[in-house]
Amino acid sequence: MQNHSNKVIPSSLLPLCRGAFLFLGLLVLGGCGSGGAANSLSGKVTLNGNPVGGTLTFSGGGKEVGPVPINPDGTYKVENLPVGEVNIIVKGFPGVGVGMPTAPPPAIKGMEMPTGAAKMGVAPPARYAAPGNGLTVTVKGGKQTHDIVLNP
């Protein structure tokens, strides 16, 4: 006698099963639990002790990463930076004077927009928006912290 205990998956569950197998396959191929980017940098951008509003761009090793939004409290986080010396450009939002509270900018991907201009931080001096402004960091690999203190 043959055992006919093989059960057939109902057709209504096939899309769910296919999706589960695809998800599991992507986890295996993607290195589930890899811990994120190999090189990440985080910190706070300030001017006269006040959080700065705007964006950061990092360039080094023939690679440019950015613009990276600066959060309303002045903090930032960037991933996938090249190892070595990296130049930093700080740009404020258009039409805002140095040290003045910034108005809420257009939506930036990955940045939660608060209400009220004062919650966006102060504008950075214009000289930090150009290459060769003297702001650099040496990326050694892994997770690093680097605060960016701007001078008036």
N, C-alpha and C. Protein backbone atom coordinates (compact mmCIF):
# COMPACT_ATOMS: atom_id res chain seq x y z
N MET A 1 0.82 -1.17 0.00
CA MET A 1 0.00 0.00 0.00
C MET A 1 0.87 1.25 0.00
N GLN A 2 0.42 2.23 -0.69
CA GLN A 2 1.14 3.49 -0.76
C GLN A 2 0.54 4.49 0.22
N ASN A 3 1.41 5.29 0.76
CA ASN A 3 0.95 6.33 1.68
C ASN A 3 0.64 7.60 0.87
N HIS A 4 -0.57 8.03 0.87
CA HIS A 4 -0.96 9.23 0.15
C HIS A 4 -1.21 10.40 1.10
N SER A 5 -0.30 10.62 2.03
CA SER A 5 -0.48 11.69 3.01
C SER A 5 0.06 13.04 2.54
N ASN A 6 0.58 13.11 1.31
CA ASN A 6 1.05 14.41 0.81
C ASN A 6 -0.12 15.36 0.72
N LYS A 7 0.02 16.53 1.34
CA LYS A 7 -1.06 17.51 1.35
C LYS A 7 -0.76 18.59 0.32
N VAL A 8 -1.75 19.06 -0.32
CA VAL A 8 -1.62 20.11 -1.30
C VAL A 8 -1.94 21.44 -0.63
N ILE A 9 -1.11 22.46 -0.95
CA ILE A 9 -1.34 23.79 -0.40
C ILE A 9 -2.50 24.41 -1.16
N PRO A 10 -3.50 24.90 -0.46
CA PRO A 10 -4.62 25.54 -1.13
C PRO A 10 -4.15 26.70 -2.01
N SER A 11 -4.73 26.89 -3.16
CA SER A 11 -4.30 27.93 -4.11
C SER A 11 -4.39 29.33 -3.51
N SER A 12 -5.25 29.54 -2.56
CA SER A 12 -5.37 30.86 -1.93
C SER A 12 -4.15 31.21 -1.08
N LEU A 13 -3.38 30.19 -0.67
CA LEU A 13 -2.18 30.44 0.16
C LEU A 13 -0.90 30.49 -0.66
N LEU A 14 -0.95 30.14 -1.94
CA LEU A 14 0.26 30.12 -2.76
C LEU A 14 0.98 31.47 -2.81
N PRO A 15 0.29 32.60 -3.03
CA PRO A 15 1.01 33.88 -3.03
C PRO A 15 1.72 34.15 -1.71
N LEU A 16 1.09 33.80 -0.60
CA LEU A 16 1.70 34.01 0.71
C LEU A 16 2.96 33.16 0.85
N CYS A 17 2.88 31.90 0.43
CA CYS A 17 4.03 31.00 0.53
C CYS A 17 5.17 31.48 -0.36
N ARG A 18 4.83 31.89 -1.58
CA ARG A 18 5.87 32.41 -2.49
C ARG A 18 6.54 33.63 -1.88
N GLY A 19 5.73 34.53 -1.30
CA GLY A 19 6.28 35.73 -0.68
C GLY A 19 7.19 35.40 0.49
N ALA A 20 6.81 34.40 1.29
CA ALA A 20 7.64 34.00 2.43
C ALA A 20 8.97 33.43 1.96
N PHE A 21 8.94 32.60 0.92
CA PHE A 21 10.18 32.02 0.39
C PHE A 21 11.07 33.11 -0.21
N LEU A 22 10.48 34.06 -0.90
CA LEU A 22 11.25 35.17 -1.47
C LEU A 22 11.89 35.99 -0.36
N PHE A 23 11.14 36.30 0.69
CA PHE A 23 11.66 37.06 1.83
C PHE A 23 12.83 36.34 2.48
N LEU A 24 12.67 35.03 2.72
CA LEU A 24 13.75 34.25 3.34
C LEU A 24 14.98 34.22 2.45
N GLY A 25 14.76 34.10 1.16
CA GLY A 25 15.89 34.10 0.22
C GLY A 25 16.64 35.42 0.25
N LEU A 26 15.91 36.54 0.32
CA LEU A 26 16.56 37.84 0.38
C LEU A 26 17.34 38.03 1.68
N LEU A 27 16.81 37.50 2.77
CA LEU A 27 17.53 37.58 4.05
C LEU A 27 18.86 36.85 3.97
N VAL A 28 18.85 35.68 3.38
CA VAL A 28 20.08 34.88 3.27
C VAL A 28 21.07 35.59 2.35
N LEU A 29 20.61 36.06 1.18
CA LEU A 29 21.50 36.73 0.24
C LEU A 29 21.97 38.07 0.76
N GLY A 30 21.11 38.77 1.50
CA GLY A 30 21.44 40.10 1.99
C GLY A 30 22.26 40.10 3.26
N GLY A 31 22.54 38.98 3.85
CA GLY A 31 23.33 38.95 5.07
C GLY A 31 22.54 39.44 6.26
N CYS A 32 21.46 38.80 6.57
CA CYS A 32 20.58 39.17 7.68
C CYS A 32 21.40 39.39 8.95
N GLY A 33 21.17 40.50 9.61
CA GLY A 33 21.87 40.78 10.87
C GLY A 33 23.27 41.28 10.68
N SER A 34 23.56 41.88 9.51
CA SER A 34 24.92 42.33 9.23
C SER A 34 25.32 43.53 10.07
N GLY A 35 24.34 44.20 10.73
CA GLY A 35 24.68 45.30 11.62
C GLY A 35 24.75 46.65 10.93
N GLY A 36 24.34 46.75 9.68
CA GLY A 36 24.30 48.03 8.99
C GLY A 36 25.56 48.31 8.22
N ALA A 37 25.76 49.57 7.92
CA ALA A 37 26.87 49.99 7.08
C ALA A 37 28.20 49.81 7.81
N ALA A 38 29.23 49.53 7.02
CA ALA A 38 30.56 49.30 7.58
C ALA A 38 31.13 50.57 8.20
N ASN A 39 30.93 51.71 7.56
CA ASN A 39 31.47 52.97 8.06
C ASN A 39 30.33 53.95 8.31
N SER A 40 30.11 54.27 9.56
CA SER A 40 29.08 55.27 9.87
C SER A 40 29.67 56.33 10.79
N LEU A 41 29.13 57.54 10.62
CA LEU A 41 29.59 58.68 11.38
C LEU A 41 28.36 59.40 11.91
N SER A 42 28.39 59.78 13.17
CA SER A 42 27.28 60.53 13.74
C SER A 42 27.84 61.57 14.70
N GLY A 43 27.04 62.57 14.97
CA GLY A 43 27.48 63.62 15.87
C GLY A 43 26.48 64.76 15.88
N LYS A 44 26.98 65.94 16.28
CA LYS A 44 26.12 67.12 16.39
C LYS A 44 26.83 68.30 15.73
N VAL A 45 26.07 69.12 15.01
CA VAL A 45 26.59 70.32 14.36
C VAL A 45 26.09 71.53 15.14
N THR A 46 27.02 72.37 15.62
CA THR A 46 26.64 73.54 16.42
C THR A 46 27.37 74.80 15.96
N LEU A 47 26.75 75.94 16.27
CA LEU A 47 27.32 77.27 16.06
C LEU A 47 27.02 78.06 17.33
N ASN A 48 28.05 78.50 18.02
CA ASN A 48 27.87 79.21 19.30
C ASN A 48 27.04 78.40 20.28
N GLY A 49 27.19 77.10 20.27
CA GLY A 49 26.47 76.22 21.18
C GLY A 49 25.05 75.89 20.77
N ASN A 50 24.58 76.48 19.67
CA ASN A 50 23.22 76.24 19.17
C ASN A 50 23.24 75.21 18.04
N PRO A 51 22.22 74.36 17.98
CA PRO A 51 22.16 73.40 16.88
C PRO A 51 22.00 74.12 15.54
N VAL A 52 22.66 73.59 14.52
CA VAL A 52 22.63 74.17 13.18
C VAL A 52 21.56 73.45 12.36
N GLY A 53 20.87 74.20 11.51
CA GLY A 53 19.90 73.62 10.58
C GLY A 53 20.47 73.62 9.18
N GLY A 54 20.23 72.56 8.44
CA GLY A 54 20.74 72.49 7.08
C GLY A 54 21.07 71.07 6.67
N THR A 55 22.07 70.95 5.80
CA THR A 55 22.50 69.64 5.32
C THR A 55 24.02 69.55 5.33
N LEU A 56 24.51 68.31 5.31
CA LEU A 56 25.94 68.02 5.24
C LEU A 56 26.23 67.22 3.98
N THR A 57 27.39 67.45 3.38
CA THR A 57 27.87 66.62 2.28
C THR A 57 29.30 66.23 2.62
N PHE A 58 29.61 64.95 2.43
CA PHE A 58 30.92 64.40 2.75
C PHE A 58 31.58 63.96 1.45
N SER A 59 32.87 64.31 1.24
CA SER A 59 33.56 63.86 0.03
C SER A 59 34.98 63.45 0.36
N GLY A 60 35.38 62.35 -0.23
CA GLY A 60 36.73 61.84 -0.05
C GLY A 60 36.88 60.52 -0.77
N GLY A 61 38.09 60.20 -1.16
CA GLY A 61 38.34 58.93 -1.84
C GLY A 61 37.56 58.81 -3.15
N GLY A 62 37.31 59.94 -3.82
CA GLY A 62 36.57 59.91 -5.07
C GLY A 62 35.08 59.65 -4.92
N LYS A 63 34.58 59.74 -3.70
CA LYS A 63 33.16 59.47 -3.44
C LYS A 63 32.54 60.66 -2.71
N GLU A 64 31.28 60.96 -3.06
CA GLU A 64 30.54 62.01 -2.36
C GLU A 64 29.28 61.41 -1.77
N VAL A 65 29.04 61.71 -0.49
CA VAL A 65 27.85 61.22 0.20
C VAL A 65 27.07 62.43 0.71
N GLY A 66 25.84 62.55 0.27
CA GLY A 66 25.01 63.65 0.73
C GLY A 66 24.11 64.13 -0.38
N PRO A 67 23.28 65.11 -0.08
CA PRO A 67 23.20 65.81 1.19
C PRO A 67 22.55 64.97 2.28
N VAL A 68 23.08 65.10 3.47
CA VAL A 68 22.58 64.40 4.66
C VAL A 68 21.88 65.45 5.53
N PRO A 69 20.62 65.24 5.88
CA PRO A 69 19.92 66.24 6.70
C PRO A 69 20.47 66.32 8.12
N ILE A 70 20.51 67.55 8.62
CA ILE A 70 20.84 67.78 10.02
C ILE A 70 19.50 67.85 10.74
N ASN A 71 19.33 67.05 11.76
CA ASN A 71 18.07 67.01 12.52
C ASN A 71 17.87 68.32 13.29
N PRO A 72 16.64 68.61 13.69
CA PRO A 72 16.36 69.86 14.41
C PRO A 72 17.20 70.08 15.66
N ASP A 73 17.67 69.00 16.30
CA ASP A 73 18.51 69.17 17.49
C ASP A 73 20.00 69.26 17.15
N GLY A 74 20.32 69.34 15.84
CA GLY A 74 21.70 69.47 15.40
C GLY A 74 22.40 68.15 15.14
N THR A 75 21.77 67.03 15.42
CA THR A 75 22.42 65.74 15.23
C THR A 75 22.31 65.28 13.77
N TYR A 76 23.23 64.40 13.40
CA TYR A 76 23.24 63.82 12.06
C TYR A 76 23.78 62.40 12.14
N LYS A 77 23.52 61.63 11.10
CA LYS A 77 24.10 60.30 10.96
C LYS A 77 24.25 60.02 9.48
N VAL A 78 25.43 59.54 9.11
CA VAL A 78 25.72 59.23 7.71
C VAL A 78 26.41 57.87 7.66
N GLU A 79 26.11 57.11 6.60
CA GLU A 79 26.68 55.77 6.45
C GLU A 79 27.39 55.64 5.12
N ASN A 80 28.20 54.60 5.02
CA ASN A 80 28.91 54.24 3.79
C ASN A 80 29.91 55.29 3.34
N LEU A 81 30.63 55.86 4.30
CA LEU A 81 31.68 56.81 3.96
C LEU A 81 32.95 56.08 3.55
N PRO A 82 33.77 56.68 2.69
CA PRO A 82 35.05 56.06 2.36
C PRO A 82 36.03 56.20 3.53
N VAL A 83 36.93 55.26 3.66
CA VAL A 83 37.95 55.32 4.71
C VAL A 83 39.00 56.35 4.30
N GLY A 84 39.49 57.10 5.28
CA GLY A 84 40.50 58.13 5.03
C GLY A 84 39.95 59.50 5.36
N GLU A 85 40.71 60.53 4.92
CA GLU A 85 40.28 61.90 5.20
C GLU A 85 39.08 62.26 4.31
N VAL A 86 38.06 62.81 4.95
CA VAL A 86 36.82 63.18 4.27
C VAL A 86 36.56 64.66 4.54
N ASN A 87 36.25 65.41 3.48
CA ASN A 87 35.91 66.82 3.60
C ASN A 87 34.42 66.95 3.91
N ILE A 88 34.06 67.98 4.69
CA ILE A 88 32.67 68.19 5.09
C ILE A 88 32.21 69.56 4.61
N ILE A 89 31.05 69.59 3.95
CA ILE A 89 30.42 70.84 3.54
C ILE A 89 29.12 70.97 4.31
N VAL A 90 28.89 72.16 4.90
CA VAL A 90 27.67 72.43 5.67
C VAL A 90 26.91 73.53 4.94
N LYS A 91 25.69 73.21 4.55
CA LYS A 91 24.86 74.21 3.87
C LYS A 91 23.61 74.47 4.68
N GLY A 92 23.26 75.74 4.80
CA GLY A 92 22.02 76.13 5.44
C GLY A 92 20.90 76.11 4.42
N PHE A 93 19.71 76.43 4.87
CA PHE A 93 18.57 76.51 3.98
C PHE A 93 18.58 77.88 3.31
N PRO A 94 18.20 77.96 2.04
CA PRO A 94 18.24 79.23 1.30
C PRO A 94 17.45 80.35 1.98
N GLY A 95 18.02 81.59 1.90
CA GLY A 95 17.31 82.76 2.38
C GLY A 95 17.36 83.00 3.88
N VAL A 96 18.27 82.33 4.60
CA VAL A 96 18.34 82.48 6.05
C VAL A 96 19.69 83.05 6.43
N GLY A 97 19.71 84.10 7.27
CA GLY A 97 20.96 84.73 7.68
C GLY A 97 21.70 83.90 8.72
N VAL A 98 23.01 84.09 8.80
CA VAL A 98 23.86 83.35 9.73
C VAL A 98 23.39 83.55 11.16
N GLY A 99 23.27 82.46 11.89
CA GLY A 99 22.90 82.50 13.29
C GLY A 99 21.43 82.73 13.54
N MET A 100 20.65 82.93 12.48
CA MET A 100 19.22 83.16 12.62
C MET A 100 18.49 81.82 12.58
N PRO A 101 17.37 81.71 13.30
CA PRO A 101 16.61 80.46 13.22
C PRO A 101 16.14 80.23 11.79
N THR A 102 16.26 79.00 11.34
CA THR A 102 15.87 78.68 9.97
C THR A 102 14.40 78.39 9.88
N ALA A 103 13.84 78.71 8.74
CA ALA A 103 12.44 78.37 8.45
C ALA A 103 12.40 76.92 8.00
N PRO A 104 11.31 76.24 8.20
CA PRO A 104 11.22 74.86 7.74
C PRO A 104 11.46 74.77 6.25
N PRO A 105 12.39 73.90 5.80
CA PRO A 105 12.71 73.75 4.39
C PRO A 105 11.71 72.85 3.70
N PRO A 106 11.86 72.70 2.38
CA PRO A 106 11.05 71.68 1.71
C PRO A 106 11.38 70.32 2.31
N ALA A 107 10.48 69.37 2.18
CA ALA A 107 10.69 68.04 2.77
C ALA A 107 11.99 67.41 2.27
N ILE A 108 12.75 66.84 3.19
CA ILE A 108 13.99 66.14 2.86
C ILE A 108 13.80 64.70 3.29
N LYS A 109 14.09 63.78 2.38
CA LYS A 109 13.93 62.36 2.67
C LYS A 109 14.71 61.97 3.93
N GLY A 110 14.05 61.31 4.85
CA GLY A 110 14.69 60.83 6.07
C GLY A 110 14.70 61.82 7.21
N MET A 111 14.08 62.99 7.01
CA MET A 111 14.09 64.01 8.06
C MET A 111 12.67 64.32 8.47
N GLU A 112 12.38 64.17 9.74
CA GLU A 112 11.06 64.50 10.25
C GLU A 112 10.97 66.01 10.39
N MET A 113 9.95 66.59 9.83
CA MET A 113 9.81 68.04 9.83
C MET A 113 9.01 68.53 11.04
N PRO A 114 9.65 69.27 11.95
CA PRO A 114 8.93 69.81 13.10
C PRO A 114 8.15 71.06 12.70
N THR A 115 7.28 71.50 13.56
CA THR A 115 6.57 72.75 13.30
C THR A 115 7.29 73.86 14.03
N GLY A 116 7.32 75.04 13.45
CA GLY A 116 7.96 76.19 14.09
C GLY A 116 9.39 76.38 13.61
N ALA A 117 9.72 77.59 13.20
CA ALA A 117 11.03 77.87 12.63
C ALA A 117 12.15 77.67 13.63
N ALA A 118 11.95 78.04 14.89
CA ALA A 118 13.03 77.96 15.88
C ALA A 118 13.49 76.54 16.11
N LYS A 119 12.67 75.56 15.81
CA LYS A 119 13.03 74.17 16.04
C LYS A 119 13.94 73.60 14.96
N MET A 120 14.26 74.40 13.94
CA MET A 120 15.08 73.90 12.84
C MET A 120 16.56 74.18 13.03
N GLY A 121 16.96 74.87 14.07
CA GLY A 121 18.37 75.19 14.27
C GLY A 121 18.72 76.52 13.64
N VAL A 122 19.96 76.97 13.84
CA VAL A 122 20.43 78.24 13.28
C VAL A 122 21.16 77.98 11.98
N ALA A 123 21.25 79.01 11.15
CA ALA A 123 21.93 78.90 9.87
C ALA A 123 23.45 78.92 10.05
N PRO A 124 24.18 78.11 9.28
CA PRO A 124 25.64 78.12 9.36
C PRO A 124 26.23 79.28 8.54
N PRO A 125 27.44 79.73 8.88
CA PRO A 125 28.10 80.75 8.05
C PRO A 125 28.30 80.22 6.63
N ALA A 126 28.17 81.10 5.64
CA ALA A 126 28.23 80.73 4.22
C ALA A 126 29.56 80.08 3.83
N ARG A 127 30.64 80.42 4.50
CA ARG A 127 31.96 79.89 4.11
C ARG A 127 32.03 78.36 4.25
N TYR A 128 31.18 77.77 5.09
CA TYR A 128 31.20 76.32 5.27
C TYR A 128 30.48 75.57 4.14
N ALA A 129 29.85 76.33 3.22
CA ALA A 129 29.14 75.71 2.10
C ALA A 129 30.05 75.46 0.90
N ALA A 130 31.32 75.84 1.00
CA ALA A 130 32.26 75.69 -0.11
C ALA A 130 33.33 74.64 0.21
N PRO A 131 33.81 73.94 -0.82
CA PRO A 131 34.92 73.00 -0.60
C PRO A 131 36.14 73.77 -0.08
N GLY A 132 37.00 73.08 0.65
CA GLY A 132 38.21 73.70 1.19
C GLY A 132 37.94 74.61 2.37
N ASN A 133 36.84 74.39 3.08
CA ASN A 133 36.46 75.23 4.22
C ASN A 133 37.18 74.86 5.50
N GLY A 134 38.02 73.83 5.46
CA GLY A 134 38.78 73.42 6.65
C GLY A 134 38.11 72.36 7.50
N LEU A 135 36.89 71.97 7.17
CA LEU A 135 36.20 70.92 7.94
C LEU A 135 36.53 69.55 7.36
N THR A 136 37.18 68.73 8.15
CA THR A 136 37.51 67.37 7.72
C THR A 136 37.35 66.41 8.89
N VAL A 137 37.28 65.13 8.55
CA VAL A 137 37.28 64.07 9.55
C VAL A 137 38.00 62.89 8.94
N THR A 138 38.74 62.14 9.75
CA THR A 138 39.39 60.94 9.27
C THR A 138 38.52 59.75 9.63
N VAL A 139 38.00 59.08 8.61
CA VAL A 139 37.15 57.91 8.79
C VAL A 139 38.06 56.69 8.88
N LYS A 140 37.96 55.98 10.01
CA LYS A 140 38.81 54.82 10.26
C LYS A 140 38.08 53.52 9.98
N GLY A 141 36.78 53.57 9.80
CA GLY A 141 35.98 52.36 9.61
C GLY A 141 35.19 52.06 10.86
N GLY A 142 34.05 51.41 10.69
CA GLY A 142 33.18 51.12 11.82
C GLY A 142 32.37 52.34 12.20
N LYS A 143 31.83 52.31 13.40
CA LYS A 143 31.02 53.42 13.89
C LYS A 143 31.90 54.44 14.58
N GLN A 144 31.74 55.71 14.19
CA GLN A 144 32.50 56.79 14.79
C GLN A 144 31.56 57.93 15.16
N THR A 145 32.02 58.75 16.10
CA THR A 145 31.31 59.96 16.49
C THR A 145 32.21 61.14 16.18
N HIS A 146 31.62 62.19 15.57
CA HIS A 146 32.37 63.39 15.25
C HIS A 146 31.45 64.60 15.32
N ASP A 147 31.65 65.44 16.33
CA ASP A 147 30.87 66.67 16.44
C ASP A 147 31.51 67.73 15.55
N ILE A 148 30.70 68.54 14.89
CA ILE A 148 31.17 69.59 14.00
C ILE A 148 30.82 70.92 14.65
N VAL A 149 31.85 71.63 15.11
CA VAL A 149 31.67 72.91 15.79
C VAL A 149 32.07 74.01 14.81
N LEU A 150 31.09 74.84 14.44
CA LEU A 150 31.33 75.92 13.49
C LEU A 150 31.64 77.20 14.24
N ASN A 151 32.51 78.03 13.64
CA ASN A 151 32.84 79.34 14.21
C ASN A 151 32.12 80.42 13.40
N PRO A 152 31.70 81.51 14.09
CA PRO A 152 31.00 82.60 13.37
C PRO A 152 31.88 83.23 12.30
